[in-house]
Amino acid sequence: MARPSHYPLELRRRAVRMATEVRDDHPNKTAALQVVTEKLGIGSRETLRNWVKQHEIDAGTRPGTTTEESAHLKALKKENAELKRANEILKAAASFFAAELDQPHTRS
């Protein structure tokens, strides 16, 4: 079975719509999610629960970070990590050159 992140976007959207539509036909949200996951062959109720939660966040009906904001934060974290690595390399180079300058050089 495919990992949840590899499901097609249209399947995710359809599953969220179906979960919303069948919610009132079942005694609780968990039962509704179970029916939809079985019908569509999705891995687990938790996968569908996460999709519904993210849909509510993106729609502004639930507090949290939207998908777009999340992607932007991920890109910023990656850029920050790259800058930290470059900074460490520069510090190492500066230490090396400082040590070279401190050593007496003799000409032969």
C-alpha atoms as a PDB file:
ATOM      1  CA  MET A   1       0.000   0.000   0.000  1.00  0.00           C
ATOM      2  CA  ALA A   2       1.268   3.492  -0.822  1.00  0.00           C
ATOM      3  CA  ARG A   3       2.409   5.792   1.924  1.00  0.00           C
ATOM      4  CA  PRO A   4      -0.167   8.517   2.717  1.00  0.00           C
ATOM      5  CA  SER A   5       2.045  11.258   1.311  1.00  0.00           C
ATOM      6  CA  HIS A   6       2.091   9.468  -2.039  1.00  0.00           C
ATOM      7  CA  TYR A   7      -1.667   9.327  -2.517  1.00  0.00           C
ATOM      8  CA  PRO A   8      -2.874  11.452  -5.443  1.00  0.00           C
ATOM      9  CA  LEU A   9      -4.185  14.869  -4.446  1.00  0.00           C
ATOM     10  CA  GLU A  10      -7.550  14.215  -6.103  1.00  0.00           C
ATOM     11  CA  LEU A  11      -8.027  11.062  -4.002  1.00  0.00           C
ATOM     12  CA  ARG A  12      -7.250  13.046  -0.865  1.00  0.00           C
ATOM     13  CA  ARG A  13      -9.784  15.720  -1.819  1.00  0.00           C
ATOM     14  CA  ARG A  14     -12.427  13.120  -2.675  1.00  0.00           C
ATOM     15  CA  ALA A  15     -11.862  11.318   0.634  1.00  0.00           C
ATOM     16  CA  VAL A  16     -12.244  14.556   2.601  1.00  0.00           C
ATOM     17  CA  ARG A  17     -15.470  15.394   0.730  1.00  0.00           C
ATOM     18  CA  MET A  18     -16.839  11.903   1.351  1.00  0.00           C
ATOM     19  CA  ALA A  19     -15.959  12.042   5.043  1.00  0.00           C
ATOM     20  CA  THR A  20     -17.818  15.327   5.347  1.00  0.00           C
ATOM     21  CA  GLU A  21     -20.851  13.993   3.449  1.00  0.00           C
ATOM     22  CA  VAL A  22     -21.236  10.764   5.444  1.00  0.00           C
ATOM     23  CA  ARG A  23     -20.488  12.287   8.850  1.00  0.00           C
ATOM     24  CA  ASP A  24     -24.154  12.709   9.803  1.00  0.00           C
ATOM     25  CA  ASP A  25     -25.016   9.137   8.719  1.00  0.00           C
ATOM     26  CA  HIS A  26     -22.846   7.611  11.468  1.00  0.00           C
ATOM     27  CA  PRO A  27     -22.890   7.766  15.278  1.00  0.00           C
ATOM     28  CA  ASN A  28     -19.461   9.390  15.494  1.00  0.00           C
ATOM     29  CA  LYS A  29     -16.670  10.818  13.373  1.00  0.00           C
ATOM     30  CA  THR A  30     -14.486   7.730  13.763  1.00  0.00           C
ATOM     31  CA  ALA A  31     -17.148   5.465  12.279  1.00  0.00           C
ATOM     32  CA  ALA A  32     -17.589   7.824   9.336  1.00  0.00           C
ATOM     33  CA  LEU A  33     -13.841   7.900   8.720  1.00  0.00           C
ATOM     34  CA  GLN A  34     -13.670   4.089   8.887  1.00  0.00           C
ATOM     35  CA  VAL A  35     -16.373   3.719   6.237  1.00  0.00           C
ATOM     36  CA  VAL A  36     -14.606   6.114   3.872  1.00  0.00           C
ATOM     37  CA  THR A  37     -11.170   4.523   4.378  1.00  0.00           C
ATOM     38  CA  GLU A  38     -12.589   1.069   3.619  1.00  0.00           C
ATOM     39  CA  LYS A  39     -14.514   2.264   0.583  1.00  0.00           C
ATOM     40  CA  LEU A  40     -11.513   4.074  -0.960  1.00  0.00           C
ATOM     41  CA  GLY A  41      -8.819   1.660   0.214  1.00  0.00           C
ATOM     42  CA  ILE A  42      -6.900   4.269   2.181  1.00  0.00           C
ATOM     43  CA  GLY A  43      -4.336   2.972   4.665  1.00  0.00           C
ATOM     44  CA  SER A  44      -5.932   3.977   7.953  1.00  0.00           C
ATOM     45  CA  ARG A  45      -8.483   6.197   9.655  1.00  0.00           C
ATOM     46  CA  GLU A  46      -5.600   8.255  11.050  1.00  0.00           C
ATOM     47  CA  THR A  47      -4.430   9.069   7.528  1.00  0.00           C
ATOM     48  CA  LEU A  48      -7.890  10.328   6.594  1.00  0.00           C
ATOM     49  CA  ARG A  49      -8.225  12.144   9.938  1.00  0.00           C
ATOM     50  CA  ASN A  50      -4.988  14.033   9.145  1.00  0.00           C
ATOM     51  CA  TRP A  51      -6.251  14.925   5.659  1.00  0.00           C
ATOM     52  CA  VAL A  52      -9.521  16.270   7.104  1.00  0.00           C
ATOM     53  CA  LYS A  53      -7.602  18.251   9.734  1.00  0.00           C
ATOM     54  CA  GLN A  54      -5.285  19.786   7.122  1.00  0.00           C
ATOM     55  CA  HIS A  55      -8.285  20.632   4.917  1.00  0.00           C
ATOM     56  CA  GLU A  56      -9.920  22.446   7.843  1.00  0.00           C
ATOM     57  CA  ILE A  57      -6.701  24.364   8.530  1.00  0.00           C
ATOM     58  CA  ASP A  58      -6.319  25.355   4.866  1.00  0.00           C
ATOM     59  CA  ALA A  59      -9.964  26.408   4.724  1.00  0.00           C
ATOM     60  CA  GLY A  60      -9.493  28.618   7.781  1.00  0.00           C
ATOM     61  CA  THR A  61     -12.032  26.759   9.906  1.00  0.00           C
ATOM     62  CA  ARG A  62      -9.379  25.393  12.263  1.00  0.00           C
ATOM     63  CA  PRO A  63      -6.324  27.118  13.727  1.00  0.00           C
ATOM     64  CA  GLY A  64      -2.948  25.871  12.553  1.00  0.00           C
ATOM     65  CA  THR A  65      -0.358  26.238   9.834  1.00  0.00           C
ATOM     66  CA  THR A  66      -1.637  26.072   6.267  1.00  0.00           C
ATOM     67  CA  THR A  67       0.038  23.826   3.713  1.00  0.00           C
ATOM     68  CA  GLU A  68       1.536  26.857   1.971  1.00  0.00           C
ATOM     69  CA  GLU A  69       2.927  28.260   5.239  1.00  0.00           C
ATOM     70  CA  SER A  70       4.266  24.833   6.149  1.00  0.00           C
ATOM     71  CA  ALA A  71       6.097  24.533   2.824  1.00  0.00           C
ATOM     72  CA  HIS A  72       7.540  28.033   3.284  1.00  0.00           C
ATOM     73  CA  LEU A  73       8.725  27.173   6.814  1.00  0.00           C
ATOM     74  CA  LYS A  74      10.336  23.989   5.534  1.00  0.00           C
ATOM     75  CA  ALA A  75      12.197  25.934   2.826  1.00  0.00           C
ATOM     76  CA  LEU A  76      13.379  28.500   5.393  1.00  0.00           C
ATOM     77  CA  LYS A  77      14.620  25.748   7.718  1.00  0.00           C
ATOM     78  CA  LYS A  78      16.545  24.155   4.854  1.00  0.00           C
ATOM     79  CA  GLU A  79      18.075  27.499   3.899  1.00  0.00           C
ATOM     80  CA  ASN A  80      19.000  28.142   7.545  1.00  0.00           C
ATOM     81  CA  ALA A  81      20.723  24.747   7.785  1.00  0.00           C
ATOM     82  CA  GLU A  82      22.698  25.473   4.599  1.00  0.00           C
ATOM     83  CA  LEU A  83      23.761  28.868   5.948  1.00  0.00           C
ATOM     84  CA  LYS A  84      24.863  27.327   9.258  1.00  0.00           C
ATOM     85  CA  ARG A  85      26.944  24.759   7.374  1.00  0.00           C
ATOM     86  CA  ALA A  86      28.543  27.486   5.231  1.00  0.00           C
ATOM     87  CA  ASN A  87      29.265  29.499   8.389  1.00  0.00           C
ATOM     88  CA  GLU A  88      30.999  26.496   9.988  1.00  0.00           C
ATOM     89  CA  ILE A  89      33.139  26.049   6.875  1.00  0.00           C
ATOM     90  CA  LEU A  90      34.099  29.730   6.936  1.00  0.00           C
ATOM     91  CA  LYS A  91      34.983  29.525  10.643  1.00  0.00           C
ATOM     92  CA  ALA A  92      37.175  26.478  10.007  1.00  0.00           C
ATOM     93  CA  ALA A  93      38.916  28.250   7.116  1.00  0.00           C
ATOM     94  CA  ALA A  94      39.471  31.377   9.220  1.00  0.00           C
ATOM     95  CA  SER A  95      40.980  29.285  12.036  1.00  0.00           C
ATOM     96  CA  PHE A  96      43.260  27.522   9.579  1.00  0.00           C
ATOM     97  CA  PHE A  97      44.518  30.742   8.032  1.00  0.00           C
ATOM     98  CA  ALA A  98      44.968  32.380  11.438  1.00  0.00           C
ATOM     99  CA  ALA A  99      47.060  29.432  12.546  1.00  0.00           C
ATOM    100  CA  GLU A 100      49.111  29.652   9.346  1.00  0.00           C
ATOM    101  CA  LEU A 101      49.799  33.344   9.939  1.00  0.00           C
ATOM    102  CA  ASP A 102      50.891  32.685  13.528  1.00  0.00           C
ATOM    103  CA  GLN A 103      53.502  30.107  12.495  1.00  0.00           C
ATOM    104  CA  PRO A 104      56.957  31.443  11.674  1.00  0.00           C
ATOM    105  CA  HIS A 105      57.879  30.899   8.061  1.00  0.00           C
ATOM    106  CA  THR A 106      61.465  30.294   7.052  1.00  0.00           C
ATOM    107  CA  ARG A 107      62.891  30.618   3.605  1.00  0.00           C
ATOM    108  CA  SER A 108      65.296  28.026   2.425  1.00  0.00           C
END
